[in-house]
N, C-alpha and C. Protein backbone atom coordinates (compact mmCIF):
# COMPACT_ATOMS: atom_id res chain seq x y z
N MET A 1 7.01 10.35 -17.55
CA MET A 1 7.84 9.17 -17.71
C MET A 1 7.41 8.12 -16.69
N THR A 2 7.29 6.85 -17.10
CA THR A 2 6.84 5.79 -16.22
C THR A 2 7.86 5.53 -15.13
N GLN A 3 7.37 5.34 -13.89
CA GLN A 3 8.24 5.10 -12.77
C GLN A 3 8.28 3.62 -12.46
N ARG A 4 9.45 3.07 -12.19
CA ARG A 4 9.58 1.71 -11.76
C ARG A 4 9.39 1.63 -10.25
N SER A 5 9.12 0.41 -9.77
CA SER A 5 8.88 0.25 -8.34
C SER A 5 10.09 0.60 -7.51
N ASP A 6 11.30 0.51 -8.10
CA ASP A 6 12.48 0.88 -7.34
C ASP A 6 12.53 2.37 -7.07
N ASP A 7 11.71 3.15 -7.83
CA ASP A 7 11.70 4.60 -7.67
C ASP A 7 10.33 5.07 -7.24
N LEU A 8 9.65 4.28 -6.41
CA LEU A 8 8.27 4.59 -6.05
C LEU A 8 8.14 5.95 -5.39
N VAL A 9 9.03 6.25 -4.48
CA VAL A 9 9.00 7.52 -3.77
C VAL A 9 10.44 7.97 -3.58
N PRO A 10 10.65 9.25 -3.35
CA PRO A 10 12.01 9.67 -3.02
C PRO A 10 12.52 8.89 -1.82
N GLY A 11 13.82 8.65 -1.77
CA GLY A 11 14.38 7.83 -0.71
C GLY A 11 14.01 8.30 0.67
N TRP A 12 14.03 9.61 0.85
CA TRP A 12 13.75 10.15 2.19
C TRP A 12 12.29 9.98 2.57
N LEU A 13 11.41 9.66 1.56
CA LEU A 13 9.98 9.51 1.86
C LEU A 13 9.57 8.05 1.97
N ALA A 14 10.45 7.14 1.55
CA ALA A 14 10.07 5.73 1.49
C ALA A 14 9.60 5.20 2.83
N LEU A 15 10.34 5.53 3.88
CA LEU A 15 9.96 5.05 5.21
C LEU A 15 8.61 5.60 5.62
N LEU A 16 8.35 6.86 5.27
CA LEU A 16 7.06 7.45 5.63
C LEU A 16 5.92 6.72 4.95
N VAL A 17 6.10 6.35 3.70
CA VAL A 17 5.04 5.65 2.98
C VAL A 17 4.78 4.29 3.61
N LEU A 18 5.84 3.60 4.02
CA LEU A 18 5.66 2.33 4.69
C LEU A 18 4.94 2.50 6.01
N VAL A 19 5.27 3.56 6.73
CA VAL A 19 4.57 3.83 8.00
C VAL A 19 3.10 4.07 7.73
N LEU A 20 2.79 4.77 6.65
CA LEU A 20 1.40 5.01 6.31
C LEU A 20 0.67 3.70 6.04
N LEU A 21 1.34 2.79 5.37
CA LEU A 21 0.71 1.50 5.13
C LEU A 21 0.37 0.81 6.44
N LEU A 22 1.27 0.90 7.39
CA LEU A 22 1.00 0.33 8.70
C LEU A 22 -0.24 0.95 9.31
N ALA A 23 -0.37 2.26 9.17
CA ALA A 23 -1.53 2.94 9.75
C ALA A 23 -2.81 2.50 9.08
N VAL A 24 -2.76 2.29 7.77
CA VAL A 24 -3.95 1.90 7.02
C VAL A 24 -4.49 0.57 7.51
N PHE A 25 -3.57 -0.38 7.76
CA PHE A 25 -3.99 -1.71 8.14
C PHE A 25 -3.86 -1.96 9.64
N ALA A 26 -3.87 -0.89 10.43
CA ALA A 26 -3.58 -1.03 11.86
C ALA A 26 -4.58 -1.93 12.57
N ALA A 27 -5.84 -1.91 12.13
CA ALA A 27 -6.85 -2.68 12.84
C ALA A 27 -6.60 -4.17 12.74
N GLY A 28 -6.07 -4.62 11.65
CA GLY A 28 -5.79 -6.05 11.51
C GLY A 28 -4.77 -6.26 10.45
N GLY A 29 -3.83 -5.37 10.35
CA GLY A 29 -2.96 -5.34 9.19
C GLY A 29 -1.73 -6.18 9.30
N TRP A 30 -0.93 -6.14 8.22
CA TRP A 30 0.28 -6.90 8.14
C TRP A 30 1.21 -6.23 7.17
N ILE A 31 2.46 -6.49 7.28
CA ILE A 31 3.41 -6.06 6.26
C ILE A 31 4.65 -6.92 6.36
N VAL A 32 4.86 -7.71 5.35
CA VAL A 32 6.01 -8.58 5.17
C VAL A 32 6.21 -9.54 6.33
N ARG A 33 6.74 -9.08 7.47
CA ARG A 33 7.12 -10.00 8.53
C ARG A 33 6.43 -9.72 9.86
N GLY A 34 5.45 -8.87 9.91
CA GLY A 34 4.87 -8.59 11.20
C GLY A 34 3.49 -8.01 11.11
N LEU A 35 2.82 -7.99 12.23
CA LEU A 35 1.52 -7.35 12.31
C LEU A 35 1.72 -5.86 12.49
N ALA A 36 0.85 -5.10 11.84
CA ALA A 36 0.95 -3.65 11.92
C ALA A 36 0.24 -3.15 13.16
N THR A 37 0.85 -2.20 13.82
CA THR A 37 0.22 -1.54 14.96
C THR A 37 0.43 -0.05 14.83
N GLN A 38 -0.42 0.70 15.45
CA GLN A 38 -0.31 2.15 15.40
C GLN A 38 -0.29 2.69 16.83
N ASN A 39 0.79 3.29 17.21
CA ASN A 39 0.92 3.81 18.57
C ASN A 39 0.34 5.22 18.67
N ASP A 40 -0.41 5.46 19.72
CA ASP A 40 -0.93 6.79 19.98
C ASP A 40 0.13 7.59 20.73
N VAL A 41 0.47 8.75 20.18
CA VAL A 41 1.46 9.61 20.83
C VAL A 41 0.87 11.00 20.98
N ALA A 42 1.63 11.88 21.59
CA ALA A 42 1.11 13.22 21.90
C ALA A 42 1.15 14.14 20.69
N ASN A 43 0.55 13.67 19.63
CA ASN A 43 0.30 14.44 18.41
C ASN A 43 1.49 15.25 17.92
N PRO A 44 2.59 14.59 17.55
CA PRO A 44 3.69 15.33 16.93
C PRO A 44 3.35 15.74 15.50
N ALA A 45 2.25 15.19 14.96
CA ALA A 45 1.89 15.48 13.57
C ALA A 45 1.63 16.97 13.35
N THR A 46 1.07 17.64 14.36
CA THR A 46 0.78 19.07 14.21
C THR A 46 2.05 19.86 13.97
N VAL A 47 3.10 19.51 14.72
CA VAL A 47 4.38 20.17 14.52
C VAL A 47 4.88 19.90 13.12
N THR A 48 4.78 18.66 12.68
CA THR A 48 5.23 18.29 11.34
C THR A 48 4.46 19.05 10.28
N VAL A 49 3.15 19.16 10.44
CA VAL A 49 2.33 19.91 9.49
C VAL A 49 2.83 21.34 9.37
N ASN A 50 3.04 21.98 10.49
CA ASN A 50 3.47 23.38 10.47
C ASN A 50 4.86 23.53 9.85
N GLU A 51 5.74 22.59 10.15
CA GLU A 51 7.08 22.65 9.58
C GLU A 51 7.04 22.53 8.07
N TRP A 52 6.28 21.56 7.57
CA TRP A 52 6.22 21.38 6.12
C TRP A 52 5.43 22.49 5.43
N LYS A 53 4.45 23.05 6.11
CA LYS A 53 3.72 24.18 5.55
C LYS A 53 4.66 25.35 5.33
N THR A 54 5.56 25.56 6.28
CA THR A 54 6.55 26.63 6.14
C THR A 54 7.50 26.36 4.98
N LYS A 55 7.92 25.12 4.84
CA LYS A 55 8.82 24.77 3.74
C LYS A 55 8.13 24.97 2.38
N VAL A 56 6.87 24.56 2.28
CA VAL A 56 6.13 24.74 1.03
C VAL A 56 6.01 26.23 0.70
N ALA A 57 5.73 27.04 1.71
CA ALA A 57 5.62 28.48 1.49
C ALA A 57 6.93 29.08 1.01
N SER A 58 8.05 28.49 1.42
CA SER A 58 9.36 29.01 1.01
C SER A 58 9.73 28.61 -0.41
N ASP A 59 9.07 27.56 -0.93
CA ASP A 59 9.37 27.09 -2.29
C ASP A 59 8.14 26.36 -2.81
N THR A 60 7.20 27.11 -3.34
CA THR A 60 5.88 26.56 -3.68
C THR A 60 5.92 25.55 -4.82
N GLN A 61 7.00 25.51 -5.58
CA GLN A 61 7.08 24.58 -6.70
C GLN A 61 7.85 23.30 -6.36
N ASN A 62 8.29 23.17 -5.14
CA ASN A 62 9.06 21.99 -4.74
C ASN A 62 8.10 20.84 -4.44
N LEU A 63 8.10 19.86 -5.31
CA LEU A 63 7.13 18.77 -5.19
C LEU A 63 7.44 17.85 -4.02
N GLN A 64 8.71 17.70 -3.67
CA GLN A 64 9.05 16.89 -2.51
C GLN A 64 8.52 17.52 -1.23
N TYR A 65 8.61 18.83 -1.13
CA TYR A 65 8.01 19.51 0.01
C TYR A 65 6.50 19.28 0.04
N ARG A 66 5.88 19.36 -1.11
CA ARG A 66 4.43 19.17 -1.19
C ARG A 66 4.04 17.76 -0.75
N LEU A 67 4.80 16.77 -1.17
CA LEU A 67 4.50 15.40 -0.79
C LEU A 67 4.60 15.21 0.72
N SER A 68 5.65 15.75 1.30
CA SER A 68 5.82 15.62 2.75
C SER A 68 4.74 16.38 3.51
N TYR A 69 4.38 17.55 3.01
CA TYR A 69 3.31 18.34 3.64
C TYR A 69 1.99 17.57 3.56
N ALA A 70 1.71 17.01 2.38
CA ALA A 70 0.48 16.23 2.21
C ALA A 70 0.45 15.04 3.15
N PHE A 71 1.58 14.36 3.27
CA PHE A 71 1.63 13.19 4.14
C PHE A 71 1.40 13.59 5.60
N ALA A 72 2.01 14.69 6.02
CA ALA A 72 1.81 15.16 7.39
C ALA A 72 0.34 15.51 7.64
N LEU A 73 -0.28 16.17 6.69
CA LEU A 73 -1.70 16.48 6.81
C LEU A 73 -2.53 15.20 6.90
N GLN A 74 -2.18 14.25 6.09
CA GLN A 74 -2.90 12.97 6.09
C GLN A 74 -2.77 12.26 7.43
N GLN A 75 -1.57 12.24 7.98
CA GLN A 75 -1.36 11.63 9.28
C GLN A 75 -2.14 12.34 10.38
N ASN A 76 -2.44 13.61 10.15
CA ASN A 76 -3.19 14.41 11.12
C ASN A 76 -4.68 14.45 10.80
N ALA A 77 -5.10 13.55 9.87
CA ALA A 77 -6.51 13.41 9.48
C ALA A 77 -7.09 14.66 8.84
N GLN A 78 -6.23 15.49 8.26
CA GLN A 78 -6.71 16.65 7.49
C GLN A 78 -6.76 16.24 6.01
N TYR A 79 -7.70 15.38 5.71
CA TYR A 79 -7.70 14.68 4.43
C TYR A 79 -7.94 15.60 3.23
N ASP A 80 -8.87 16.53 3.35
CA ASP A 80 -9.15 17.42 2.22
C ASP A 80 -7.93 18.26 1.87
N LYS A 81 -7.25 18.77 2.90
CA LYS A 81 -6.05 19.57 2.65
C LYS A 81 -4.95 18.70 2.07
N ALA A 82 -4.83 17.47 2.55
CA ALA A 82 -3.83 16.56 2.00
C ALA A 82 -4.10 16.29 0.52
N LEU A 83 -5.37 16.06 0.19
CA LEU A 83 -5.72 15.81 -1.21
C LEU A 83 -5.37 17.00 -2.09
N GLU A 84 -5.55 18.21 -1.57
CA GLU A 84 -5.18 19.39 -2.35
C GLU A 84 -3.70 19.36 -2.72
N GLN A 85 -2.87 18.96 -1.77
CA GLN A 85 -1.43 18.92 -2.02
C GLN A 85 -1.06 17.80 -2.98
N TYR A 86 -1.66 16.62 -2.80
CA TYR A 86 -1.38 15.53 -3.73
C TYR A 86 -1.82 15.90 -5.15
N ARG A 87 -2.96 16.57 -5.26
CA ARG A 87 -3.45 16.95 -6.59
C ARG A 87 -2.56 18.01 -7.23
N PHE A 88 -1.97 18.88 -6.41
CA PHE A 88 -1.00 19.83 -6.95
C PHE A 88 0.17 19.08 -7.56
N VAL A 89 0.69 18.10 -6.81
CA VAL A 89 1.80 17.30 -7.32
C VAL A 89 1.40 16.60 -8.62
N LEU A 90 0.22 16.01 -8.63
CA LEU A 90 -0.22 15.26 -9.81
C LEU A 90 -0.50 16.17 -11.00
N SER A 91 -0.82 17.44 -10.75
CA SER A 91 -1.00 18.38 -11.85
C SER A 91 0.32 18.64 -12.57
N ARG A 92 1.43 18.44 -11.84
CA ARG A 92 2.76 18.63 -12.42
C ARG A 92 3.36 17.30 -12.89
N GLU A 93 3.08 16.24 -12.11
CA GLU A 93 3.62 14.91 -12.42
C GLU A 93 2.48 13.90 -12.33
N PRO A 94 1.71 13.72 -13.41
CA PRO A 94 0.51 12.89 -13.36
C PRO A 94 0.74 11.44 -12.97
N GLN A 95 1.96 10.94 -13.13
CA GLN A 95 2.23 9.54 -12.78
C GLN A 95 3.08 9.42 -11.52
N ASP A 96 3.05 10.42 -10.68
CA ASP A 96 3.79 10.32 -9.42
C ASP A 96 3.12 9.28 -8.54
N THR A 97 3.78 8.14 -8.36
CA THR A 97 3.14 7.03 -7.67
C THR A 97 2.96 7.27 -6.18
N ALA A 98 3.82 8.08 -5.58
CA ALA A 98 3.65 8.39 -4.16
C ALA A 98 2.35 9.17 -3.94
N ALA A 99 2.14 10.20 -4.76
CA ALA A 99 0.92 11.01 -4.63
C ALA A 99 -0.32 10.17 -4.94
N LEU A 100 -0.25 9.37 -6.00
CA LEU A 100 -1.40 8.55 -6.38
C LEU A 100 -1.73 7.52 -5.30
N TYR A 101 -0.70 6.83 -4.82
CA TYR A 101 -0.94 5.80 -3.81
C TYR A 101 -1.58 6.39 -2.56
N ASN A 102 -1.01 7.48 -2.07
CA ASN A 102 -1.52 8.08 -0.84
C ASN A 102 -2.90 8.71 -1.05
N GLU A 103 -3.15 9.23 -2.24
CA GLU A 103 -4.50 9.70 -2.55
C GLU A 103 -5.49 8.55 -2.43
N GLY A 104 -5.11 7.38 -2.96
CA GLY A 104 -5.96 6.20 -2.83
C GLY A 104 -6.18 5.80 -1.39
N VAL A 105 -5.14 5.91 -0.58
CA VAL A 105 -5.28 5.58 0.84
C VAL A 105 -6.30 6.49 1.52
N ILE A 106 -6.25 7.77 1.20
CA ILE A 106 -7.22 8.70 1.78
C ILE A 106 -8.64 8.30 1.38
N TYR A 107 -8.83 7.96 0.12
CA TYR A 107 -10.17 7.52 -0.29
C TYR A 107 -10.61 6.29 0.49
N SER A 108 -9.68 5.37 0.69
CA SER A 108 -10.00 4.17 1.46
C SER A 108 -10.34 4.51 2.90
N GLN A 109 -9.59 5.43 3.48
CA GLN A 109 -9.81 5.82 4.87
C GLN A 109 -11.11 6.59 5.07
N THR A 110 -11.62 7.17 4.00
CA THR A 110 -12.82 8.00 4.10
C THR A 110 -14.00 7.37 3.39
N ASP A 111 -13.98 6.04 3.32
CA ASP A 111 -15.12 5.26 2.82
C ASP A 111 -15.49 5.58 1.37
N ARG A 112 -14.48 5.82 0.56
CA ARG A 112 -14.70 6.01 -0.88
C ARG A 112 -13.93 4.92 -1.62
N ALA A 113 -14.40 3.68 -1.40
CA ALA A 113 -13.66 2.50 -1.84
C ALA A 113 -13.48 2.45 -3.35
N LYS A 114 -14.48 2.81 -4.10
CA LYS A 114 -14.36 2.73 -5.57
C LYS A 114 -13.33 3.73 -6.08
N LEU A 115 -13.30 4.91 -5.48
CA LEU A 115 -12.28 5.88 -5.86
C LEU A 115 -10.88 5.38 -5.50
N ALA A 116 -10.78 4.72 -4.35
CA ALA A 116 -9.49 4.14 -3.96
C ALA A 116 -9.06 3.09 -4.97
N GLU A 117 -9.99 2.23 -5.35
CA GLU A 117 -9.68 1.19 -6.34
C GLU A 117 -9.17 1.80 -7.64
N THR A 118 -9.89 2.79 -8.14
CA THR A 118 -9.50 3.44 -9.40
C THR A 118 -8.13 4.10 -9.30
N THR A 119 -7.88 4.74 -8.18
CA THR A 119 -6.62 5.45 -8.00
C THR A 119 -5.45 4.48 -7.88
N TRP A 120 -5.63 3.39 -7.15
CA TRP A 120 -4.56 2.40 -7.04
C TRP A 120 -4.25 1.73 -8.37
N TRP A 121 -5.27 1.59 -9.23
CA TRP A 121 -5.00 1.06 -10.57
C TRP A 121 -4.15 2.05 -11.38
N LYS A 122 -4.34 3.33 -11.13
CA LYS A 122 -3.48 4.30 -11.81
C LYS A 122 -2.02 4.11 -11.40
N VAL A 123 -1.82 3.76 -10.12
CA VAL A 123 -0.46 3.47 -9.66
C VAL A 123 0.10 2.29 -10.43
N LEU A 124 -0.69 1.22 -10.54
CA LEU A 124 -0.20 0.02 -11.22
C LEU A 124 -0.05 0.24 -12.72
N ASP A 125 -0.82 1.14 -13.29
CA ASP A 125 -0.62 1.49 -14.70
C ASP A 125 0.75 2.13 -14.89
N ALA A 126 1.16 2.95 -13.92
CA ALA A 126 2.46 3.61 -14.00
C ALA A 126 3.59 2.68 -13.61
N ALA A 127 3.34 1.83 -12.61
CA ALA A 127 4.37 0.91 -12.09
C ALA A 127 3.69 -0.40 -11.70
N PRO A 128 3.58 -1.34 -12.63
CA PRO A 128 2.81 -2.57 -12.39
C PRO A 128 3.28 -3.37 -11.18
N ASP A 129 4.54 -3.23 -10.80
CA ASP A 129 5.05 -4.00 -9.66
C ASP A 129 5.14 -3.16 -8.39
N HIS A 130 4.33 -2.13 -8.30
CA HIS A 130 4.28 -1.29 -7.10
C HIS A 130 3.69 -2.12 -5.96
N VAL A 131 4.52 -2.46 -4.98
CA VAL A 131 4.14 -3.41 -3.94
C VAL A 131 2.96 -2.92 -3.11
N LEU A 132 2.99 -1.66 -2.69
CA LEU A 132 1.94 -1.16 -1.80
C LEU A 132 0.58 -1.12 -2.47
N ALA A 133 0.54 -0.65 -3.71
CA ALA A 133 -0.73 -0.59 -4.44
C ALA A 133 -1.25 -2.00 -4.73
N ALA A 134 -0.34 -2.91 -5.07
CA ALA A 134 -0.76 -4.29 -5.34
C ALA A 134 -1.36 -4.92 -4.10
N LYS A 135 -0.73 -4.70 -2.94
CA LYS A 135 -1.27 -5.24 -1.69
C LYS A 135 -2.64 -4.65 -1.38
N ALA A 136 -2.74 -3.34 -1.55
CA ALA A 136 -4.01 -2.68 -1.24
C ALA A 136 -5.13 -3.19 -2.13
N LEU A 137 -4.85 -3.31 -3.42
CA LEU A 137 -5.87 -3.81 -4.35
C LEU A 137 -6.17 -5.28 -4.11
N GLY A 138 -5.11 -6.07 -3.85
CA GLY A 138 -5.34 -7.48 -3.58
C GLY A 138 -6.27 -7.68 -2.40
N GLN A 139 -6.02 -6.95 -1.32
CA GLN A 139 -6.87 -7.06 -0.14
C GLN A 139 -8.28 -6.56 -0.43
N TYR A 140 -8.38 -5.48 -1.18
CA TYR A 140 -9.70 -4.92 -1.54
C TYR A 140 -10.53 -5.95 -2.30
N TYR A 141 -9.92 -6.59 -3.29
CA TYR A 141 -10.67 -7.56 -4.09
C TYR A 141 -11.01 -8.81 -3.30
N ILE A 142 -10.11 -9.25 -2.44
CA ILE A 142 -10.42 -10.41 -1.60
C ILE A 142 -11.59 -10.09 -0.67
N ASP A 143 -11.56 -8.90 -0.09
CA ASP A 143 -12.66 -8.50 0.81
C ASP A 143 -14.00 -8.50 0.07
N ASN A 144 -13.95 -8.23 -1.22
CA ASN A 144 -15.17 -8.18 -2.03
C ASN A 144 -15.40 -9.45 -2.84
N LYS A 145 -14.64 -10.51 -2.51
CA LYS A 145 -14.79 -11.83 -3.12
C LYS A 145 -14.56 -11.81 -4.63
N GLN A 146 -13.69 -10.90 -5.07
CA GLN A 146 -13.32 -10.82 -6.48
C GLN A 146 -11.90 -11.39 -6.63
N TYR A 147 -11.83 -12.70 -6.51
CA TYR A 147 -10.52 -13.35 -6.38
C TYR A 147 -9.71 -13.31 -7.67
N LYS A 148 -10.36 -13.41 -8.81
CA LYS A 148 -9.63 -13.33 -10.07
C LYS A 148 -9.04 -11.93 -10.26
N SER A 149 -9.78 -10.91 -9.87
CA SER A 149 -9.26 -9.55 -9.95
C SER A 149 -8.07 -9.36 -9.01
N ALA A 150 -8.14 -9.99 -7.85
CA ALA A 150 -7.02 -9.92 -6.91
C ALA A 150 -5.76 -10.50 -7.53
N LEU A 151 -5.90 -11.63 -8.21
CA LEU A 151 -4.73 -12.26 -8.84
C LEU A 151 -4.15 -11.38 -9.93
N VAL A 152 -5.01 -10.72 -10.69
CA VAL A 152 -4.52 -9.82 -11.75
C VAL A 152 -3.74 -8.66 -11.16
N ALA A 153 -4.28 -8.08 -10.10
CA ALA A 153 -3.60 -6.93 -9.47
C ALA A 153 -2.28 -7.33 -8.84
N LEU A 154 -2.23 -8.53 -8.26
CA LEU A 154 -1.05 -8.97 -7.53
C LEU A 154 0.07 -9.49 -8.42
N ALA A 155 -0.30 -10.06 -9.57
CA ALA A 155 0.65 -10.84 -10.36
C ALA A 155 1.99 -10.16 -10.66
N PRO A 156 2.01 -8.92 -11.20
CA PRO A 156 3.31 -8.33 -11.52
C PRO A 156 4.19 -8.10 -10.29
N ALA A 157 3.58 -7.67 -9.18
CA ALA A 157 4.37 -7.43 -7.97
C ALA A 157 4.88 -8.74 -7.38
N VAL A 158 4.05 -9.78 -7.40
CA VAL A 158 4.48 -11.09 -6.89
C VAL A 158 5.67 -11.60 -7.70
N LYS A 159 5.60 -11.41 -9.01
CA LYS A 159 6.70 -11.87 -9.87
C LYS A 159 7.98 -11.06 -9.63
N ALA A 160 7.82 -9.75 -9.50
CA ALA A 160 9.00 -8.88 -9.34
C ALA A 160 9.56 -8.92 -7.93
N ARG A 161 8.69 -9.09 -6.92
CA ARG A 161 9.12 -9.03 -5.52
C ARG A 161 8.63 -10.27 -4.76
N PRO A 162 9.10 -11.45 -5.14
CA PRO A 162 8.59 -12.67 -4.50
C PRO A 162 8.89 -12.76 -3.02
N GLU A 163 9.85 -11.97 -2.53
CA GLU A 163 10.23 -12.04 -1.12
C GLU A 163 9.21 -11.39 -0.20
N TYR A 164 8.21 -10.71 -0.74
CA TYR A 164 7.19 -10.09 0.09
C TYR A 164 6.17 -11.15 0.50
N ALA A 165 6.27 -11.59 1.75
CA ALA A 165 5.44 -12.69 2.22
C ALA A 165 3.96 -12.37 2.16
N ASP A 166 3.61 -11.12 2.41
CA ASP A 166 2.19 -10.79 2.40
C ASP A 166 1.61 -10.87 1.00
N LEU A 167 2.39 -10.54 -0.03
CA LEU A 167 1.92 -10.71 -1.40
C LEU A 167 1.69 -12.19 -1.70
N GLN A 168 2.63 -13.03 -1.27
CA GLN A 168 2.49 -14.47 -1.49
C GLN A 168 1.24 -14.98 -0.77
N TYR A 169 1.02 -14.48 0.44
CA TYR A 169 -0.16 -14.92 1.18
C TYR A 169 -1.46 -14.53 0.47
N LEU A 170 -1.55 -13.29 0.02
CA LEU A 170 -2.77 -12.86 -0.66
C LEU A 170 -2.99 -13.64 -1.95
N ASP A 171 -1.91 -13.93 -2.67
CA ASP A 171 -2.02 -14.76 -3.86
C ASP A 171 -2.54 -16.14 -3.48
N GLY A 172 -1.97 -16.71 -2.43
CA GLY A 172 -2.40 -18.04 -1.99
C GLY A 172 -3.85 -18.06 -1.56
N LEU A 173 -4.27 -17.02 -0.84
CA LEU A 173 -5.66 -16.97 -0.37
C LEU A 173 -6.62 -16.86 -1.54
N SER A 174 -6.28 -16.04 -2.53
CA SER A 174 -7.13 -15.91 -3.72
C SER A 174 -7.25 -17.24 -4.44
N LEU A 175 -6.12 -17.93 -4.59
CA LEU A 175 -6.12 -19.22 -5.27
C LEU A 175 -6.90 -20.26 -4.48
N GLU A 176 -6.77 -20.23 -3.16
CA GLU A 176 -7.54 -21.16 -2.33
C GLU A 176 -9.03 -20.94 -2.52
N ARG A 177 -9.45 -19.67 -2.54
CA ARG A 177 -10.87 -19.37 -2.70
C ARG A 177 -11.39 -19.77 -4.08
N LEU A 178 -10.48 -19.88 -5.03
CA LEU A 178 -10.85 -20.32 -6.38
C LEU A 178 -10.69 -21.83 -6.55
N ASP A 179 -10.46 -22.52 -5.44
CA ASP A 179 -10.29 -23.99 -5.44
C ASP A 179 -9.09 -24.45 -6.27
N ARG A 180 -8.08 -23.63 -6.34
CA ARG A 180 -6.84 -23.99 -7.02
C ARG A 180 -5.82 -24.38 -5.95
N ARG A 181 -6.05 -25.56 -5.37
CA ARG A 181 -5.37 -25.99 -4.15
C ARG A 181 -3.85 -26.03 -4.29
N ASP A 182 -3.35 -26.70 -5.30
CA ASP A 182 -1.91 -26.88 -5.41
C ASP A 182 -1.18 -25.55 -5.56
N GLU A 183 -1.77 -24.65 -6.36
CA GLU A 183 -1.15 -23.34 -6.54
C GLU A 183 -1.19 -22.53 -5.24
N ALA A 184 -2.30 -22.66 -4.52
CA ALA A 184 -2.42 -21.95 -3.24
C ALA A 184 -1.34 -22.45 -2.27
N ILE A 185 -1.13 -23.75 -2.21
CA ILE A 185 -0.11 -24.32 -1.33
C ILE A 185 1.27 -23.76 -1.68
N THR A 186 1.55 -23.67 -2.97
CA THR A 186 2.85 -23.15 -3.40
C THR A 186 3.08 -21.75 -2.86
N HIS A 187 2.08 -20.90 -2.95
CA HIS A 187 2.25 -19.51 -2.49
C HIS A 187 2.27 -19.41 -0.97
N TYR A 188 1.47 -20.23 -0.29
CA TYR A 188 1.54 -20.23 1.17
C TYR A 188 2.93 -20.66 1.64
N LYS A 189 3.50 -21.68 0.97
CA LYS A 189 4.83 -22.15 1.35
C LYS A 189 5.89 -21.07 1.10
N LEU A 190 5.74 -20.33 0.02
CA LEU A 190 6.67 -19.23 -0.24
C LEU A 190 6.54 -18.15 0.83
N ALA A 191 5.31 -17.86 1.24
CA ALA A 191 5.12 -16.87 2.30
C ALA A 191 5.84 -17.30 3.57
N VAL A 192 5.72 -18.59 3.92
CA VAL A 192 6.35 -19.10 5.13
C VAL A 192 7.87 -19.13 4.97
N ARG A 193 8.34 -19.39 3.75
CA ARG A 193 9.78 -19.39 3.52
C ARG A 193 10.38 -18.03 3.84
N TYR A 194 9.70 -16.97 3.38
CA TYR A 194 10.23 -15.63 3.59
C TYR A 194 9.89 -15.06 4.96
N ALA A 195 8.84 -15.60 5.58
CA ALA A 195 8.44 -15.14 6.92
C ALA A 195 7.97 -16.35 7.72
N PRO A 196 8.90 -17.08 8.34
CA PRO A 196 8.55 -18.35 9.01
C PRO A 196 7.47 -18.23 10.08
N ASP A 197 7.31 -17.04 10.66
CA ASP A 197 6.30 -16.87 11.70
C ASP A 197 4.98 -16.31 11.16
N TYR A 198 4.79 -16.41 9.86
CA TYR A 198 3.57 -15.86 9.24
C TYR A 198 2.42 -16.83 9.50
N THR A 199 1.66 -16.58 10.56
CA THR A 199 0.65 -17.54 11.00
C THR A 199 -0.51 -17.68 10.01
N LYS A 200 -0.85 -16.62 9.31
CA LYS A 200 -1.95 -16.73 8.35
C LYS A 200 -1.60 -17.70 7.24
N ALA A 201 -0.34 -17.67 6.80
CA ALA A 201 0.08 -18.59 5.74
C ALA A 201 0.14 -20.03 6.27
N THR A 202 0.66 -20.21 7.50
CA THR A 202 0.71 -21.56 8.04
C THR A 202 -0.70 -22.09 8.29
N ASP A 203 -1.62 -21.22 8.67
CA ASP A 203 -3.02 -21.63 8.83
C ASP A 203 -3.60 -22.07 7.50
N GLY A 204 -3.23 -21.36 6.42
CA GLY A 204 -3.68 -21.76 5.10
C GLY A 204 -3.19 -23.14 4.72
N LEU A 205 -1.94 -23.42 5.04
CA LEU A 205 -1.39 -24.76 4.76
C LEU A 205 -2.12 -25.82 5.57
N LYS A 206 -2.46 -25.52 6.81
CA LYS A 206 -3.20 -26.47 7.63
C LYS A 206 -4.58 -26.75 7.03
N ARG A 207 -5.24 -25.68 6.58
CA ARG A 207 -6.57 -25.86 5.99
C ARG A 207 -6.51 -26.79 4.77
N LEU A 208 -5.41 -26.69 4.04
CA LEU A 208 -5.28 -27.47 2.81
C LEU A 208 -4.56 -28.80 3.04
N GLY A 209 -4.29 -29.10 4.29
CA GLY A 209 -3.65 -30.38 4.62
C GLY A 209 -2.24 -30.49 4.10
N ALA A 210 -1.51 -29.36 4.13
CA ALA A 210 -0.16 -29.35 3.56
C ALA A 210 0.82 -28.71 4.53
N GLU A 211 0.73 -29.05 5.80
CA GLU A 211 1.62 -28.45 6.82
C GLU A 211 3.07 -28.82 6.55
């Protein structure tokens, strides 16, 4: 059954997925209203891995346990083991957007960009307004100067979730690169409306003479 963006992940996992997004873009990332950073701590991930491994062993068919175990493995850079868990989930629920999205993140983190692209499109096939997959694909296409593809990937999420300033910014940047000045200004202004301190969007307005 197709999942809507409101049901992207179980409620208890939603925060973890957002944290993962922060980790993905830690080098120069963003999310809605702030720059992403990743703090180095004394490796609590190992404890988390062991805890979730025990839970999975106690109920091997519990997909929520599997998702949490996979995420813990991923956070601990045990990517192959994490993929095994995500694939188990997907063998039972082929359109599970949490498993698909995070599988794509692993591919991105391990220099398998085309696999990441394909996997994130599977997320959008299941939930076209999936914010995280749309952002990931939008950034991927912009990085590769495929601006029309970025607009296609972003469009449903931008329409459904206009309050996400980073989506508005990526839309504006794609439009700017396509010399669609007025449309780019509109999206940059929306980004600033929802996140007044969004410097990348304000810089875009300056470049286009629309401060």
